[in-house]
Amino acid sequence: MKKLSMNALSKAIVVALIQVLIVCSLGAKLLYDRRTRPQVWFKTARYDPNLPIRGRYLGLQVELNDPRSAEEVEKKFGVTDRYAWMGFGQECGSIVAREGKPVVVFDNSPTWDCDNLQLSRWRTTDGVTHLRLEEPLLFFIPETAKDPRGRTGEEVWVLATIPRKGPPRPITLGIKNAGAVEIQRVDLD
């Protein structure tokens, strides 16, 4: 068996160091964003993702408030009652924090090629229109943690960092009881 020459070993070490630096720089960026970017609570709806990854995680669909009135939305998208069960009104935009709450800022990008985030609306059978972020958030939980599903009358919320571009980055989960003002953090340990 041939021994690796010092030159080949040096090259292997350099490649390994470059890979470690790439991973560390991503971690440093995420930590920097967590310290410097705004963090707000987002109301979520759970869904069951069909992903080939292993582990315990929650698929969360972020719900947002539309800054426009229902009449403005209906006028823009020509919505009628026959669309009550369907999604409608896809738009592009971004999320900013104002007074500790997430606010949507729409842009004029074409919906098939959003520059930042794609948002869509749907209307429930009771006529209420909701706005949601199309890209779901995955929140991984420890194997030993109790599944933090919201029971009847509870809403699942996620505290997330709002980056300059891209979807919110989840930090922790919270539960809000019906009629409550405060969101209680969920202990996942």
Protein backbone atom coordinates (compact mmCIF):
# COMPACT_ATOMS: atom_id res chain seq x y z
CA MET A 1 0.00 0.00 0.00
CA LYS A 2 1.37 3.40 -0.97
CA LYS A 3 1.77 6.15 1.57
CA LEU A 4 0.16 9.46 0.84
CA SER A 5 2.71 12.03 -0.05
CA MET A 6 2.87 15.11 2.10
CA ASN A 7 1.55 17.14 -0.83
CA ALA A 8 -1.62 15.00 -1.18
CA LEU A 9 -2.18 15.01 2.59
CA SER A 10 -1.78 18.79 2.69
CA LYS A 11 -4.34 19.19 -0.09
CA ALA A 12 -6.80 16.93 1.75
CA ILE A 13 -6.40 18.97 4.94
CA VAL A 14 -6.92 22.23 3.05
CA VAL A 15 -10.12 20.89 1.44
CA ALA A 16 -11.42 19.69 4.83
CA LEU A 17 -10.65 23.08 6.41
CA ILE A 18 -12.47 24.89 3.60
CA GLN A 19 -15.54 22.71 4.14
CA VAL A 20 -15.47 23.35 7.90
CA LEU A 21 -15.13 27.10 7.29
CA ILE A 22 -18.12 27.09 4.93
CA VAL A 23 -20.32 25.37 7.53
CA CYS A 24 -19.05 27.65 10.31
CA SER A 25 -19.65 30.78 8.23
CA LEU A 26 -23.28 29.75 7.67
CA GLY A 27 -23.71 29.14 11.40
CA ALA A 28 -22.10 32.50 12.17
CA LYS A 29 -24.43 34.25 9.72
CA LEU A 30 -27.50 32.65 11.31
CA LEU A 31 -26.32 33.61 14.80
CA TYR A 32 -25.56 37.16 13.64
CA ASP A 33 -29.04 37.45 12.09
CA ARG A 34 -30.63 36.14 15.29
CA ARG A 35 -28.87 38.89 17.28
CA THR A 36 -29.40 41.76 14.83
CA ARG A 37 -32.63 41.04 12.90
CA PRO A 38 -36.13 41.49 14.33
CA GLN A 39 -37.93 38.55 15.94
CA VAL A 40 -41.72 38.33 15.99
CA TRP A 41 -44.44 35.78 16.68
CA PHE A 42 -46.26 34.28 13.69
CA LYS A 43 -49.57 32.47 13.89
CA THR A 44 -49.31 29.11 12.14
CA ALA A 45 -51.40 26.29 10.80
CA ARG A 46 -49.99 22.78 10.94
CA TYR A 47 -49.83 20.56 7.94
CA ASP A 48 -48.38 17.15 7.27
CA PRO A 49 -45.37 17.49 4.96
CA ASN A 50 -44.47 14.60 2.72
CA LEU A 51 -40.69 14.73 2.98
CA PRO A 52 -38.16 11.89 2.82
CA ILE A 53 -36.17 13.23 5.77
CA ARG A 54 -36.11 11.48 9.11
CA GLY A 55 -36.72 12.89 12.54
CA ARG A 56 -39.51 14.61 14.35
CA TYR A 57 -40.61 17.90 12.96
CA LEU A 58 -43.66 20.06 12.54
CA GLY A 59 -44.65 21.48 9.20
CA LEU A 60 -45.89 25.03 9.86
CA GLN A 61 -47.76 27.24 7.42
CA VAL A 62 -47.25 30.89 8.47
CA GLU A 63 -50.40 33.02 8.52
CA LEU A 64 -50.13 36.77 8.05
CA ASN A 65 -52.42 39.78 8.17
CA ASP A 66 -53.11 41.46 4.85
CA PRO A 67 -52.58 45.21 5.26
CA ARG A 68 -55.40 45.86 2.78
CA SER A 69 -59.11 45.68 3.47
CA ALA A 70 -61.23 42.76 2.25
CA GLU A 71 -62.89 45.09 -0.26
CA GLU A 72 -59.51 46.10 -1.74
CA VAL A 73 -58.48 42.44 -2.09
CA GLU A 74 -61.79 41.46 -3.69
CA LYS A 75 -61.59 44.40 -6.10
CA LYS A 76 -58.00 43.55 -7.10
CA PHE A 77 -58.57 39.82 -7.63
CA GLY A 78 -62.25 39.79 -8.61
CA VAL A 79 -63.17 37.25 -5.93
CA THR A 80 -66.70 35.90 -5.72
CA ASP A 81 -68.33 33.50 -3.29
CA ARG A 82 -67.81 30.55 -5.64
CA TYR A 83 -64.10 30.69 -4.75
CA ALA A 84 -64.79 30.33 -1.02
CA TRP A 85 -62.90 27.04 -0.75
CA MET A 86 -60.04 27.83 -3.10
CA GLY A 87 -56.77 29.67 -2.91
CA PHE A 88 -56.61 32.92 -4.84
CA GLY A 89 -54.63 36.11 -5.14
CA GLN A 90 -51.00 35.01 -5.30
CA GLU A 91 -48.54 37.87 -4.85
CA CYS A 92 -44.88 38.46 -4.11
CA GLY A 93 -43.51 40.42 -1.20
CA SER A 94 -41.47 40.46 1.95
CA ILE A 95 -42.06 40.56 5.69
CA VAL A 96 -40.92 43.37 7.96
CA ALA A 97 -41.45 43.97 11.67
CA ARG A 98 -43.41 47.03 12.78
CA GLU A 99 -44.25 47.60 16.43
CA GLY A 100 -43.34 44.00 17.22
CA LYS A 101 -45.69 42.50 14.63
CA PRO A 102 -45.01 41.00 11.20
CA VAL A 103 -46.21 43.19 8.31
CA VAL A 104 -46.37 42.18 4.65
CA VAL A 105 -44.89 44.52 2.04
CA PHE A 106 -46.03 43.54 -1.46
CA ASP A 107 -43.92 44.11 -4.55
CA ASN A 108 -44.60 43.94 -8.29
CA SER A 109 -42.62 40.79 -9.10
CA PRO A 110 -44.42 38.25 -11.29
CA THR A 111 -45.85 35.45 -9.13
CA TRP A 112 -44.02 32.75 -11.09
CA ASP A 113 -40.66 34.40 -10.34
CA CYS A 114 -40.86 36.10 -6.93
CA ASP A 115 -37.79 38.04 -5.92
CA ASN A 116 -38.34 37.22 -2.24
CA LEU A 117 -41.45 35.46 -0.86
CA GLN A 118 -44.60 34.13 -2.48
CA LEU A 119 -47.85 34.73 -0.61
CA SER A 120 -51.35 33.46 -1.32
CA ARG A 121 -54.84 33.86 0.04
CA TRP A 122 -57.63 31.47 0.72
CA ARG A 123 -61.13 31.96 1.94
CA THR A 124 -62.82 29.71 4.45
CA THR A 125 -66.44 28.65 4.09
CA ASP A 126 -67.46 31.32 6.61
CA GLY A 127 -66.12 34.00 4.23
CA VAL A 128 -62.96 34.90 6.16
CA THR A 129 -59.94 35.56 3.94
CA HIS A 130 -56.50 34.45 5.14
CA LEU A 131 -53.03 35.31 3.83
CA ARG A 132 -50.21 32.79 4.14
CA LEU A 133 -46.61 32.34 3.19
CA GLU A 134 -46.38 29.68 0.47
CA GLU A 135 -43.05 28.28 1.69
CA PRO A 136 -43.70 26.25 4.84
CA LEU A 137 -41.40 26.32 7.86
CA LEU A 138 -40.04 23.08 9.29
CA PHE A 139 -39.52 23.08 13.04
CA PHE A 140 -37.51 20.12 14.33
CA ILE A 141 -38.23 18.87 17.83
CA PRO A 142 -36.23 16.47 20.04
CA GLU A 143 -37.19 12.79 20.10
CA THR A 144 -38.02 13.04 23.80
CA ALA A 145 -40.20 16.17 23.52
CA LYS A 146 -43.95 16.01 23.85
CA ASP A 147 -45.58 16.84 20.51
CA PRO A 148 -46.74 20.47 20.88
CA ARG A 149 -49.94 20.09 18.88
CA GLY A 150 -52.50 22.73 19.66
CA ARG A 151 -55.56 21.25 21.31
CA THR A 152 -59.04 22.49 20.56
CA GLY A 153 -59.18 26.19 21.32
CA GLU A 154 -55.38 26.60 21.12
CA GLU A 155 -53.36 28.22 18.37
CA VAL A 156 -49.77 27.21 17.57
CA TRP A 157 -47.42 30.18 17.12
CA VAL A 158 -43.75 30.31 16.16
CA LEU A 159 -41.20 32.92 17.22
CA ALA A 160 -38.98 33.56 14.21
CA THR A 161 -36.22 35.83 12.99
CA ILE A 162 -37.09 37.92 9.94
CA PRO A 163 -34.04 37.87 7.63
CA ARG A 164 -33.40 40.53 5.02
CA LYS A 165 -34.48 38.08 2.35
CA GLY A 166 -36.19 34.72 2.48
CA PRO A 167 -38.64 33.06 4.83
CA PRO A 168 -38.68 33.56 8.60
CA ARG A 169 -36.27 31.35 10.58
CA PRO A 170 -38.03 29.58 13.46
CA ILE A 171 -36.62 29.85 16.99
CA THR A 172 -39.24 28.44 19.35
CA LEU A 173 -42.90 27.47 19.52
CA GLY A 174 -45.71 28.95 21.56
CA ILE A 175 -49.34 28.19 22.34
CA LYS A 176 -52.05 30.80 22.62
CA ASN A 177 -55.30 29.79 24.29
CA ALA A 178 -58.62 31.00 22.90
CA GLY A 179 -59.31 34.50 24.18
CA ALA A 180 -55.82 34.90 25.69
CA VAL A 181 -53.54 37.81 24.92
CA GLU A 182 -50.21 36.22 25.86
CA ILE A 183 -48.42 33.48 23.94
CA GLN A 184 -46.92 30.84 26.23
CA ARG A 185 -43.59 29.40 25.09
CA VAL A 186 -43.55 25.63 24.72
CA ASP A 187 -40.83 23.80 26.64
CA LEU A 188 -39.44 21.18 24.26
CA ASP A 189 -36.75 19.77 26.56
